[in-house]
Amino acid sequence: SFALQSMALRRATHAGSWYTDRPDQLDQQLTSWLAAAGPRVGAARAIVSPHAGYQYCGAVAGYAYKQIDPGSISRVILLGPSHHFSLRGCGLSTAAEFQTPLGNLRADQATTAELRATGQFEMVSLNRDEAEHSLEMQLPFLLAAMRPKSPRDFSIVPIMVGAIDPSVEAAYGAVLAPYLNDPATLFVVSSDFCHWGRRFEYTHYDKSAGRIWQSIERLDRQGMEAIETGRPDRFTQYLQQTGNTICGRHPIGVMMCAAARHGSGRFRFLNYAQSSKCNDFSDSSVSYAAGGLFVNA
């Protein structure tokens, strides 16, 4: 039953491979990326951050996490895509605690129970939870960005988002809107941007943009602009027109639908990078973008 499973610990299964499992080294990396992101633009109510190996995306993720003002935050709701199994809707974690090399984070069991009671969420088994990286990659950054708060001062609600259509995104947006409207709650949306190359079965190239990597950047920036409009239909239309392989498009869609219900806040992207610069069709790359939803922007 859920109550028994809720004593479970989700292990940091990607530590030691996707990021270092040495606490001192990890701490130093996260601190330097946050410092390099410069001054905070504002206190974000939601952020979008990448989820690749830290050596690729850590510097970009720093810009998203720099926008967190830990002062008022006591609950963090994380939305990330499912890369390993198909979900009809959205799934909640059965874990009570989440391991990171910098200390464990605790689940917000009350919020998890509230969401579960809507009947709209399934429970994700621990082994499926541990196979997925999109949410885990956010946790060490979250710990570093929430300082001086300790991991005991706030709780998390990780939500895995399936390949849902726009009407279902809107339905989940409606469920989550009251939480997004709560100043004590932060949303963390986990997404990389364009996955380009034959291995991703996506080789869109607009020669008028210049080199392939410049075409990819133009494509990604059009997507970022669609998100910045605050209109979920604009982002959906962009995805239908371009087919851009933004892996967290559904988590982003859910967040946009939740934000649109209140009409408060403006989303702004702050940083962008690519894992490598593609110049021909044998190359491949993944893009990363960082941004925040600012209520008083």
C-alpha atoms as a PDB file:
ATOM      1  CA  SER A   1       0.000   0.000   0.000  1.00  0.00           C
ATOM      2  CA  PHE A   2       1.003   3.632  -0.403  1.00  0.00           C
ATOM      3  CA  ALA A   3       1.552   4.206   3.326  1.00  0.00           C
ATOM      4  CA  LEU A   4       4.072   1.355   3.511  1.00  0.00           C
ATOM      5  CA  GLN A   5       5.848   2.364   0.321  1.00  0.00           C
ATOM      6  CA  SER A   6       6.014   5.941   1.512  1.00  0.00           C
ATOM      7  CA  MET A   7       8.828   4.958   3.881  1.00  0.00           C
ATOM      8  CA  ALA A   8      10.981   4.263   0.812  1.00  0.00           C
ATOM      9  CA  LEU A   9      14.214   6.062  -0.029  1.00  0.00           C
ATOM     10  CA  ARG A  10      14.826   6.958  -3.675  1.00  0.00           C
ATOM     11  CA  ARG A  11      18.533   6.471  -4.211  1.00  0.00           C
ATOM     12  CA  ALA A  12      20.678   8.944  -6.159  1.00  0.00           C
ATOM     13  CA  THR A  13      21.084   6.454  -9.014  1.00  0.00           C
ATOM     14  CA  HIS A  14      22.817   8.905 -11.389  1.00  0.00           C
ATOM     15  CA  ALA A  15      25.416  10.170  -8.886  1.00  0.00           C
ATOM     16  CA  GLY A  16      28.893   9.049  -9.895  1.00  0.00           C
ATOM     17  CA  SER A  17      27.999   9.053 -13.607  1.00  0.00           C
ATOM     18  CA  TRP A  18      25.849  12.036 -14.632  1.00  0.00           C
ATOM     19  CA  TYR A  19      27.358  14.144 -11.836  1.00  0.00           C
ATOM     20  CA  THR A  20      30.013  13.581  -9.201  1.00  0.00           C
ATOM     21  CA  ASP A  21      29.096  11.640  -6.076  1.00  0.00           C
ATOM     22  CA  ARG A  22      31.837  13.395  -4.068  1.00  0.00           C
ATOM     23  CA  PRO A  23      30.039  15.896  -1.808  1.00  0.00           C
ATOM     24  CA  ASP A  24      32.926  18.389  -1.595  1.00  0.00           C
ATOM     25  CA  GLN A  25      33.490  18.410  -5.350  1.00  0.00           C
ATOM     26  CA  LEU A  26      29.755  18.626  -6.140  1.00  0.00           C
ATOM     27  CA  ASP A  27      29.309  21.454  -3.656  1.00  0.00           C
ATOM     28  CA  GLN A  28      32.167  23.386  -5.232  1.00  0.00           C
ATOM     29  CA  GLN A  29      30.781  22.928  -8.767  1.00  0.00           C
ATOM     30  CA  LEU A  30      27.233  23.991  -7.863  1.00  0.00           C
ATOM     31  CA  THR A  31      28.446  26.993  -5.870  1.00  0.00           C
ATOM     32  CA  SER A  32      30.625  28.182  -8.764  1.00  0.00           C
ATOM     33  CA  TRP A  33      27.843  27.795 -11.362  1.00  0.00           C
ATOM     34  CA  LEU A  34      25.421  29.748  -9.163  1.00  0.00           C
ATOM     35  CA  ALA A  35      28.032  32.484  -8.611  1.00  0.00           C
ATOM     36  CA  ALA A  36      28.834  32.679 -12.343  1.00  0.00           C
ATOM     37  CA  ALA A  37      25.149  33.330 -13.149  1.00  0.00           C
ATOM     38  CA  GLY A  38      25.523  36.866 -11.775  1.00  0.00           C
ATOM     39  CA  PRO A  39      22.899  38.764  -9.756  1.00  0.00           C
ATOM     40  CA  ARG A  40      19.347  37.474  -9.395  1.00  0.00           C
ATOM     41  CA  VAL A  41      16.918  38.999 -11.883  1.00  0.00           C
ATOM     42  CA  GLY A  42      13.973  38.500  -9.524  1.00  0.00           C
ATOM     43  CA  ALA A  43      12.386  35.924  -7.251  1.00  0.00           C
ATOM     44  CA  ALA A  44      10.995  33.291  -9.615  1.00  0.00           C
ATOM     45  CA  ARG A  45       7.760  31.430  -8.886  1.00  0.00           C
ATOM     46  CA  ALA A  46       8.797  28.753 -11.415  1.00  0.00           C
ATOM     47  CA  ILE A  47      12.013  27.914 -13.245  1.00  0.00           C
ATOM     48  CA  VAL A  48      12.891  25.860 -16.325  1.00  0.00           C
ATOM     49  CA  SER A  49      16.237  24.073 -16.028  1.00  0.00           C
ATOM     50  CA  PRO A  50      18.028  21.418 -18.123  1.00  0.00           C
ATOM     51  CA  HIS A  51      18.697  17.858 -16.946  1.00  0.00           C
ATOM     52  CA  ALA A  52      21.762  16.594 -18.811  1.00  0.00           C
ATOM     53  CA  GLY A  53      25.052  15.600 -17.225  1.00  0.00           C
ATOM     54  CA  TYR A  54      26.309  18.571 -15.221  1.00  0.00           C
ATOM     55  CA  GLN A  55      29.477  18.917 -17.321  1.00  0.00           C
ATOM     56  CA  TYR A  56      27.199  19.799 -20.253  1.00  0.00           C
ATOM     57  CA  CYS A  57      24.435  21.861 -18.663  1.00  0.00           C
ATOM     58  CA  GLY A  58      25.550  22.895 -15.164  1.00  0.00           C
ATOM     59  CA  ALA A  59      26.535  26.418 -16.194  1.00  0.00           C
ATOM     60  CA  VAL A  60      23.131  26.989 -17.857  1.00  0.00           C
ATOM     61  CA  ALA A  61      21.186  25.448 -14.953  1.00  0.00           C
ATOM     62  CA  GLY A  62      22.963  27.897 -12.631  1.00  0.00           C
ATOM     63  CA  TYR A  63      21.041  30.753 -14.283  1.00  0.00           C
ATOM     64  CA  ALA A  64      17.692  29.117 -13.505  1.00  0.00           C
ATOM     65  CA  TYR A  65      18.551  28.231  -9.910  1.00  0.00           C
ATOM     66  CA  LYS A  66      20.027  31.701  -9.260  1.00  0.00           C
ATOM     67  CA  GLN A  67      16.448  33.071  -9.572  1.00  0.00           C
ATOM     68  CA  ILE A  68      15.277  31.221  -6.450  1.00  0.00           C
ATOM     69  CA  ASP A  69      14.785  33.300  -3.325  1.00  0.00           C
ATOM     70  CA  PRO A  70      14.764  30.653  -0.585  1.00  0.00           C
ATOM     71  CA  GLY A  71      13.259  33.059   1.965  1.00  0.00           C
ATOM     72  CA  SER A  72       9.581  32.188   1.655  1.00  0.00           C
ATOM     73  CA  ILE A  73       9.800  28.777  -0.036  1.00  0.00           C
ATOM     74  CA  SER A  74       8.740  25.716   1.941  1.00  0.00           C
ATOM     75  CA  ARG A  75       7.489  23.456  -0.854  1.00  0.00           C
ATOM     76  CA  VAL A  76       8.954  22.646  -4.270  1.00  0.00           C
ATOM     77  CA  ILE A  77       6.896  20.932  -6.983  1.00  0.00           C
ATOM     78  CA  LEU A  78       9.057  19.382  -9.704  1.00  0.00           C
ATOM     79  CA  LEU A  79       7.735  18.534 -13.184  1.00  0.00           C
ATOM     80  CA  GLY A  80       9.873  16.354 -15.437  1.00  0.00           C
ATOM     81  CA  PRO A  81       9.378  14.164 -18.501  1.00  0.00           C
ATOM     82  CA  SER A  82       9.401  10.370 -18.412  1.00  0.00           C
ATOM     83  CA  HIS A  83      12.170   9.078 -20.702  1.00  0.00           C
ATOM     84  CA  HIS A  84      11.880   5.366 -19.905  1.00  0.00           C
ATOM     85  CA  PHE A  85       8.235   4.337 -19.772  1.00  0.00           C
ATOM     86  CA  SER A  86       4.969   5.698 -21.092  1.00  0.00           C
ATOM     87  CA  LEU A  87       2.583   7.438 -18.740  1.00  0.00           C
ATOM     88  CA  ARG A  88      -1.017   8.129 -19.721  1.00  0.00           C
ATOM     89  CA  GLY A  89      -1.051  11.217 -17.519  1.00  0.00           C
ATOM     90  CA  CYS A  90       1.171  12.322 -14.655  1.00  0.00           C
ATOM     91  CA  GLY A  91       2.748  10.203 -11.933  1.00  0.00           C
ATOM     92  CA  LEU A  92       3.647  10.796  -8.283  1.00  0.00           C
ATOM     93  CA  SER A  93       6.623   9.313  -6.468  1.00  0.00           C
ATOM     94  CA  THR A  94       6.111   6.703  -3.747  1.00  0.00           C
ATOM     95  CA  ALA A  95       9.350   7.697  -1.995  1.00  0.00           C
ATOM     96  CA  ALA A  96       9.429   9.470   1.362  1.00  0.00           C
ATOM     97  CA  GLU A  97      13.025  10.589   0.966  1.00  0.00           C
ATOM     98  CA  PHE A  98      15.297  11.431  -1.951  1.00  0.00           C
ATOM     99  CA  GLN A  99      19.003  10.838  -1.641  1.00  0.00           C
ATOM    100  CA  THR A 100      21.609  13.297  -2.929  1.00  0.00           C
ATOM    101  CA  PRO A 101      25.356  13.438  -2.189  1.00  0.00           C
ATOM    102  CA  LEU A 102      24.655  16.695  -0.295  1.00  0.00           C
ATOM    103  CA  GLY A 103      21.947  15.279   1.987  1.00  0.00           C
ATOM    104  CA  ASN A 104      18.474  13.811   1.649  1.00  0.00           C
ATOM    105  CA  LEU A 105      15.339  15.714   0.664  1.00  0.00           C
ATOM    106  CA  ARG A 106      11.968  14.769   2.083  1.00  0.00           C
ATOM    107  CA  ALA A 107       8.735  14.261   0.187  1.00  0.00           C
ATOM    108  CA  ASP A 108       5.774  16.504   0.948  1.00  0.00           C
ATOM    109  CA  GLN A 109       3.456  13.647   1.834  1.00  0.00           C
ATOM    110  CA  ALA A 110       0.456  15.892   2.529  1.00  0.00           C
ATOM    111  CA  THR A 111       0.604  17.490  -0.939  1.00  0.00           C
ATOM    112  CA  THR A 112       1.232  14.099  -2.554  1.00  0.00           C
ATOM    113  CA  ALA A 113      -1.877  12.750  -0.811  1.00  0.00           C
ATOM    114  CA  GLU A 114      -3.916  15.810  -1.909  1.00  0.00           C
ATOM    115  CA  LEU A 115      -2.896  15.331  -5.536  1.00  0.00           C
ATOM    116  CA  ARG A 116      -3.471  11.605  -5.355  1.00  0.00           C
ATOM    117  CA  ALA A 117      -6.988  12.240  -4.036  1.00  0.00           C
ATOM    118  CA  THR A 118      -7.901  14.068  -7.278  1.00  0.00           C
ATOM    119  CA  GLY A 119      -7.817  10.673  -9.011  1.00  0.00           C
ATOM    120  CA  GLN A 120      -5.786  12.195 -11.846  1.00  0.00           C
ATOM    121  CA  PHE A 121      -2.345  10.886 -10.880  1.00  0.00           C
ATOM    122  CA  GLU A 122      -0.872   7.411 -10.947  1.00  0.00           C
ATOM    123  CA  MET A 123       1.843   6.244  -8.550  1.00  0.00           C
ATOM    124  CA  VAL A 124       5.278   5.621 -10.048  1.00  0.00           C
ATOM    125  CA  SER A 125       7.048   2.518  -8.726  1.00  0.00           C
ATOM    126  CA  LEU A 126      10.404   3.050  -7.037  1.00  0.00           C
ATOM    127  CA  ASN A 127      12.390   1.216  -9.738  1.00  0.00           C
ATOM    128  CA  ARG A 128      10.836   3.362 -12.496  1.00  0.00           C
ATOM    129  CA  ASP A 129      11.462   6.441 -10.348  1.00  0.00           C
ATOM    130  CA  GLU A 130      15.135   5.506  -9.918  1.00  0.00           C
ATOM    131  CA  ALA A 131      15.592   4.816 -13.651  1.00  0.00           C
ATOM    132  CA  GLU A 132      14.495   8.363 -14.569  1.00  0.00           C
ATOM    133  CA  HIS A 133      17.049  11.194 -14.492  1.00  0.00           C
ATOM    134  CA  SER A 134      14.950  14.271 -15.331  1.00  0.00           C
ATOM    135  CA  LEU A 135      13.881  14.935 -11.731  1.00  0.00           C
ATOM    136  CA  GLU A 136      16.977  13.626  -9.939  1.00  0.00           C
ATOM    137  CA  MET A 137      19.261  16.023 -11.837  1.00  0.00           C
ATOM    138  CA  GLN A 138      17.405  18.968 -10.261  1.00  0.00           C
ATOM    139  CA  LEU A 139      17.827  17.887  -6.635  1.00  0.00           C
ATOM    140  CA  PRO A 140      21.493  18.750  -5.874  1.00  0.00           C
ATOM    141  CA  PHE A 141      21.039  22.145  -7.575  1.00  0.00           C
ATOM    142  CA  LEU A 142      17.903  22.737  -5.550  1.00  0.00           C
ATOM    143  CA  LEU A 143      19.747  22.005  -2.301  1.00  0.00           C
ATOM    144  CA  ALA A 144      22.548  24.424  -3.216  1.00  0.00           C
ATOM    145  CA  ALA A 145      20.151  27.180  -4.347  1.00  0.00           C
ATOM    146  CA  MET A 146      17.964  26.899  -1.231  1.00  0.00           C
ATOM    147  CA  ARG A 147      20.797  27.745   1.150  1.00  0.00           C
ATOM    148  CA  PRO A 148      20.935  28.889   3.920  1.00  0.00           C
ATOM    149  CA  LYS A 149      17.911  26.615   4.361  1.00  0.00           C
ATOM    150  CA  SER A 150      18.698  23.031   5.233  1.00  0.00           C
ATOM    151  CA  PRO A 151      17.053  20.063   3.447  1.00  0.00           C
ATOM    152  CA  ARG A 152      14.751  19.760   6.478  1.00  0.00           C
ATOM    153  CA  ASP A 153      13.325  23.266   5.958  1.00  0.00           C
ATOM    154  CA  PHE A 154      11.414  22.423   2.790  1.00  0.00           C
ATOM    155  CA  SER A 155       9.786  19.446   1.111  1.00  0.00           C
ATOM    156  CA  ILE A 156       9.425  18.310  -2.485  1.00  0.00           C
ATOM    157  CA  VAL A 157       6.708  16.876  -4.729  1.00  0.00           C
ATOM    158  CA  PRO A 158       8.299  15.256  -7.808  1.00  0.00           C
ATOM    159  CA  ILE A 159       5.800  14.733 -10.655  1.00  0.00           C
ATOM    160  CA  MET A 160       6.599  12.713 -13.763  1.00  0.00           C
ATOM    161  CA  VAL A 161       4.740  14.000 -16.817  1.00  0.00           C
ATOM    162  CA  GLY A 162       3.751  11.665 -19.652  1.00  0.00           C
ATOM    163  CA  ALA A 163       3.297  12.407 -23.363  1.00  0.00           C
ATOM    164  CA  ILE A 164      -0.049  14.147 -22.853  1.00  0.00           C
ATOM    165  CA  ASP A 165      -2.015  16.226 -25.341  1.00  0.00           C
ATOM    166  CA  PRO A 166      -2.782  19.957 -24.868  1.00  0.00           C
ATOM    167  CA  SER A 167      -6.232  19.400 -23.326  1.00  0.00           C
ATOM    168  CA  VAL A 168      -4.709  17.090 -20.710  1.00  0.00           C
ATOM    169  CA  GLU A 169      -1.928  19.621 -20.050  1.00  0.00           C
ATOM    170  CA  ALA A 170      -4.679  22.176 -19.388  1.00  0.00           C
ATOM    171  CA  ALA A 171      -6.441  19.785 -16.980  1.00  0.00           C
ATOM    172  CA  TYR A 172      -3.249  19.251 -14.959  1.00  0.00           C
ATOM    173  CA  GLY A 173      -2.557  22.992 -15.155  1.00  0.00           C
ATOM    174  CA  ALA A 174      -5.942  23.584 -13.504  1.00  0.00           C
ATOM    175  CA  VAL A 175      -5.112  21.128 -10.699  1.00  0.00           C
ATOM    176  CA  LEU A 176      -1.701  22.717 -10.078  1.00  0.00           C
ATOM    177  CA  ALA A 177      -2.675  26.406 -10.525  1.00  0.00           C
ATOM    178  CA  PRO A 178      -3.543  26.986  -6.827  1.00  0.00           C
ATOM    179  CA  TYR A 179      -0.085  25.698  -5.844  1.00  0.00           C
ATOM    180  CA  LEU A 180       1.635  27.933  -8.400  1.00  0.00           C
ATOM    181  CA  ASN A 181      -0.308  30.841  -6.932  1.00  0.00           C
ATOM    182  CA  ASP A 182       1.105  30.109  -3.461  1.00  0.00           C
ATOM    183  CA  PRO A 183       4.194  32.257  -2.687  1.00  0.00           C
ATOM    184  CA  ALA A 184       5.566  29.482  -0.452  1.00  0.00           C
ATOM    185  CA  THR A 185       5.660  27.067  -3.415  1.00  0.00           C
ATOM    186  CA  LEU A 186       8.296  26.961  -6.142  1.00  0.00           C
ATOM    187  CA  PHE A 187       7.874  25.024  -9.402  1.00  0.00           C
ATOM    188  CA  VAL A 188      10.925  23.452 -11.045  1.00  0.00           C
ATOM    189  CA  VAL A 189      10.349  22.347 -14.650  1.00  0.00           C
ATOM    190  CA  SER A 190      12.973  19.971 -16.039  1.00  0.00           C
ATOM    191  CA  SER A 191      13.627  20.194 -19.772  1.00  0.00           C
ATOM    192  CA  ASP A 192      16.375  20.164 -22.345  1.00  0.00           C
ATOM    193  CA  PHE A 193      15.725  21.868 -25.682  1.00  0.00           C
ATOM    194  CA  CYS A 194      16.505  20.665 -29.215  1.00  0.00           C
ATOM    195  CA  HIS A 195      17.953  17.165 -29.559  1.00  0.00           C
ATOM    196  CA  TRP A 196      19.478  17.436 -33.033  1.00  0.00           C
ATOM    197  CA  GLY A 197      21.041  14.754 -35.220  1.00  0.00           C
ATOM    198  CA  ARG A 198      20.350  11.436 -36.885  1.00  0.00           C
ATOM    199  CA  ARG A 199      20.518   9.593 -33.564  1.00  0.00           C
ATOM    200  CA  PHE A 200      17.568  11.718 -32.381  1.00  0.00           C
ATOM    201  CA  GLU A 201      15.800  11.351 -35.757  1.00  0.00           C
ATOM    202  CA  TYR A 202      15.610  15.122 -36.008  1.00  0.00           C
ATOM    203  CA  THR A 203      17.662  17.023 -38.586  1.00  0.00           C
ATOM    204  CA  HIS A 204      15.662  20.195 -39.267  1.00  0.00           C
ATOM    205  CA  TYR A 205      17.956  22.700 -41.009  1.00  0.00           C
ATOM    206  CA  ASP A 206      17.040  26.185 -42.156  1.00  0.00           C
ATOM    207  CA  LYS A 207      19.991  27.271 -44.339  1.00  0.00           C
ATOM    208  CA  SER A 208      18.960  30.923 -44.123  1.00  0.00           C
ATOM    209  CA  ALA A 209      20.090  30.881 -40.474  1.00  0.00           C
ATOM    210  CA  GLY A 210      23.693  30.014 -41.408  1.00  0.00           C
ATOM    211  CA  ARG A 211      25.411  26.906 -40.046  1.00  0.00           C
ATOM    212  CA  ILE A 212      23.402  23.996 -38.640  1.00  0.00           C
ATOM    213  CA  TRP A 213      24.095  25.078 -35.050  1.00  0.00           C
ATOM    214  CA  GLN A 214      22.831  28.581 -35.874  1.00  0.00           C
ATOM    215  CA  SER A 215      19.658  27.101 -37.361  1.00  0.00           C
ATOM    216  CA  ILE A 216      19.166  25.075 -34.167  1.00  0.00           C
ATOM    217  CA  GLU A 217      19.625  28.193 -32.040  1.00  0.00           C
ATOM    218  CA  ARG A 218      17.109  30.139 -34.127  1.00  0.00           C
ATOM    219  CA  LEU A 219      14.635  27.259 -33.788  1.00  0.00           C
ATOM    220  CA  ASP A 220      15.130  27.056 -30.009  1.00  0.00           C
ATOM    221  CA  ARG A 221      14.819  30.808 -29.560  1.00  0.00           C
ATOM    222  CA  GLN A 222      11.509  30.774 -31.438  1.00  0.00           C
ATOM    223  CA  GLY A 223      10.333  28.166 -28.921  1.00  0.00           C
ATOM    224  CA  MET A 224      11.574  30.254 -25.999  1.00  0.00           C
ATOM    225  CA  GLU A 225       9.705  33.260 -27.418  1.00  0.00           C
ATOM    226  CA  ALA A 226       6.530  31.154 -27.670  1.00  0.00           C
ATOM    227  CA  ILE A 227       6.900  30.209 -23.992  1.00  0.00           C
ATOM    228  CA  GLU A 228       7.534  33.851 -23.055  1.00  0.00           C
ATOM    229  CA  THR A 229       4.174  34.857 -24.560  1.00  0.00           C
ATOM    230  CA  GLY A 230       2.544  32.986 -21.660  1.00  0.00           C
ATOM    231  CA  ARG A 231       0.072  31.444 -24.108  1.00  0.00           C
ATOM    232  CA  PRO A 232       0.038  27.630 -24.067  1.00  0.00           C
ATOM    233  CA  ASP A 233      -1.639  27.551 -27.506  1.00  0.00           C
ATOM    234  CA  ARG A 234       1.293  29.473 -29.019  1.00  0.00           C
ATOM    235  CA  PHE A 235       3.776  26.937 -27.656  1.00  0.00           C
ATOM    236  CA  THR A 236       1.616  24.019 -28.865  1.00  0.00           C
ATOM    237  CA  GLN A 237       1.369  25.598 -32.329  1.00  0.00           C
ATOM    238  CA  TYR A 238       5.148  26.099 -32.433  1.00  0.00           C
ATOM    239  CA  LEU A 239       5.745  22.436 -31.539  1.00  0.00           C
ATOM    240  CA  GLN A 240       3.271  21.264 -34.195  1.00  0.00           C
ATOM    241  CA  GLN A 241       4.905  23.444 -36.849  1.00  0.00           C
ATOM    242  CA  THR A 242       8.551  22.634 -36.091  1.00  0.00           C
ATOM    243  CA  GLY A 243       8.500  19.239 -34.381  1.00  0.00           C
ATOM    244  CA  ASN A 244      11.314  20.561 -32.165  1.00  0.00           C
ATOM    245  CA  THR A 245      12.521  17.766 -29.882  1.00  0.00           C
ATOM    246  CA  ILE A 246      12.108  19.605 -26.563  1.00  0.00           C
ATOM    247  CA  CYS A 247      11.931  16.647 -24.180  1.00  0.00           C
ATOM    248  CA  GLY A 248      10.202  18.594 -21.394  1.00  0.00           C
ATOM    249  CA  ARG A 249       7.559  20.116 -23.680  1.00  0.00           C
ATOM    250  CA  HIS A 250       4.721  18.542 -21.687  1.00  0.00           C
ATOM    251  CA  PRO A 251       6.007  19.652 -18.249  1.00  0.00           C
ATOM    252  CA  ILE A 252       6.497  23.140 -19.748  1.00  0.00           C
ATOM    253  CA  GLY A 253       2.943  22.988 -21.161  1.00  0.00           C
ATOM    254  CA  VAL A 254       1.499  22.043 -17.757  1.00  0.00           C
ATOM    255  CA  MET A 255       3.376  24.905 -16.059  1.00  0.00           C
ATOM    256  CA  MET A 256       2.207  27.365 -18.750  1.00  0.00           C
ATOM    257  CA  CYS A 257      -1.415  26.227 -18.344  1.00  0.00           C
ATOM    258  CA  ALA A 258      -1.191  26.664 -14.562  1.00  0.00           C
ATOM    259  CA  ALA A 259       0.325  30.143 -14.947  1.00  0.00           C
ATOM    260  CA  ALA A 260      -2.191  31.196 -17.609  1.00  0.00           C
ATOM    261  CA  ARG A 261      -5.092  30.520 -15.252  1.00  0.00           C
ATOM    262  CA  HIS A 262      -3.975  33.428 -13.061  1.00  0.00           C
ATOM    263  CA  GLY A 263      -2.535  35.630 -15.777  1.00  0.00           C
ATOM    264  CA  SER A 264       0.071  36.732 -13.270  1.00  0.00           C
ATOM    265  CA  GLY A 265       3.743  36.687 -13.977  1.00  0.00           C
ATOM    266  CA  ARG A 266       5.896  36.720 -17.030  1.00  0.00           C
ATOM    267  CA  PHE A 267       8.292  34.045 -18.180  1.00  0.00           C
ATOM    268  CA  ARG A 268      11.806  35.139 -19.173  1.00  0.00           C
ATOM    269  CA  PHE A 269      14.679  33.062 -20.519  1.00  0.00           C
ATOM    270  CA  LEU A 270      18.090  34.039 -19.191  1.00  0.00           C
ATOM    271  CA  ASN A 271      20.643  31.679 -20.697  1.00  0.00           C
ATOM    272  CA  TYR A 272      21.099  29.250 -23.568  1.00  0.00           C
ATOM    273  CA  ALA A 273      23.822  26.859 -24.740  1.00  0.00           C
ATOM    274  CA  GLN A 274      24.404  23.787 -26.894  1.00  0.00           C
ATOM    275  CA  SER A 275      26.384  20.666 -25.967  1.00  0.00           C
ATOM    276  CA  SER A 276      28.395  21.099 -29.184  1.00  0.00           C
ATOM    277  CA  LYS A 277      28.189  23.080 -32.433  1.00  0.00           C
ATOM    278  CA  CYS A 278      26.783  21.030 -35.298  1.00  0.00           C
ATOM    279  CA  ASN A 279      28.262  21.814 -38.707  1.00  0.00           C
ATOM    280  CA  ASP A 280      27.212  18.786 -40.715  1.00  0.00           C
ATOM    281  CA  PHE A 281      24.672  15.979 -40.684  1.00  0.00           C
ATOM    282  CA  SER A 282      26.993  13.504 -38.969  1.00  0.00           C
ATOM    283  CA  ASP A 283      27.070  15.787 -35.879  1.00  0.00           C
ATOM    284  CA  SER A 284      24.585  15.823 -33.007  1.00  0.00           C
ATOM    285  CA  SER A 285      23.848  18.131 -30.088  1.00  0.00           C
ATOM    286  CA  VAL A 286      21.444  18.861 -27.270  1.00  0.00           C
ATOM    287  CA  SER A 287      20.447  22.430 -26.358  1.00  0.00           C
ATOM    288  CA  TYR A 288      19.898  23.824 -22.871  1.00  0.00           C
ATOM    289  CA  ALA A 289      17.914  26.852 -21.737  1.00  0.00           C
ATOM    290  CA  ALA A 290      17.305  28.438 -18.345  1.00  0.00           C
ATOM    291  CA  GLY A 291      14.513  30.788 -17.364  1.00  0.00           C
ATOM    292  CA  GLY A 292      12.046  31.846 -14.725  1.00  0.00           C
ATOM    293  CA  LEU A 293       8.441  32.910 -14.188  1.00  0.00           C
ATOM    294  CA  PHE A 294       8.552  36.256 -12.433  1.00  0.00           C
ATOM    295  CA  VAL A 295       5.337  37.467 -10.823  1.00  0.00           C
ATOM    296  CA  ASN A 296       6.337  41.110 -10.627  1.00  0.00           C
ATOM    297  CA  ALA A 297       8.173  41.258 -13.936  1.00  0.00           C
END
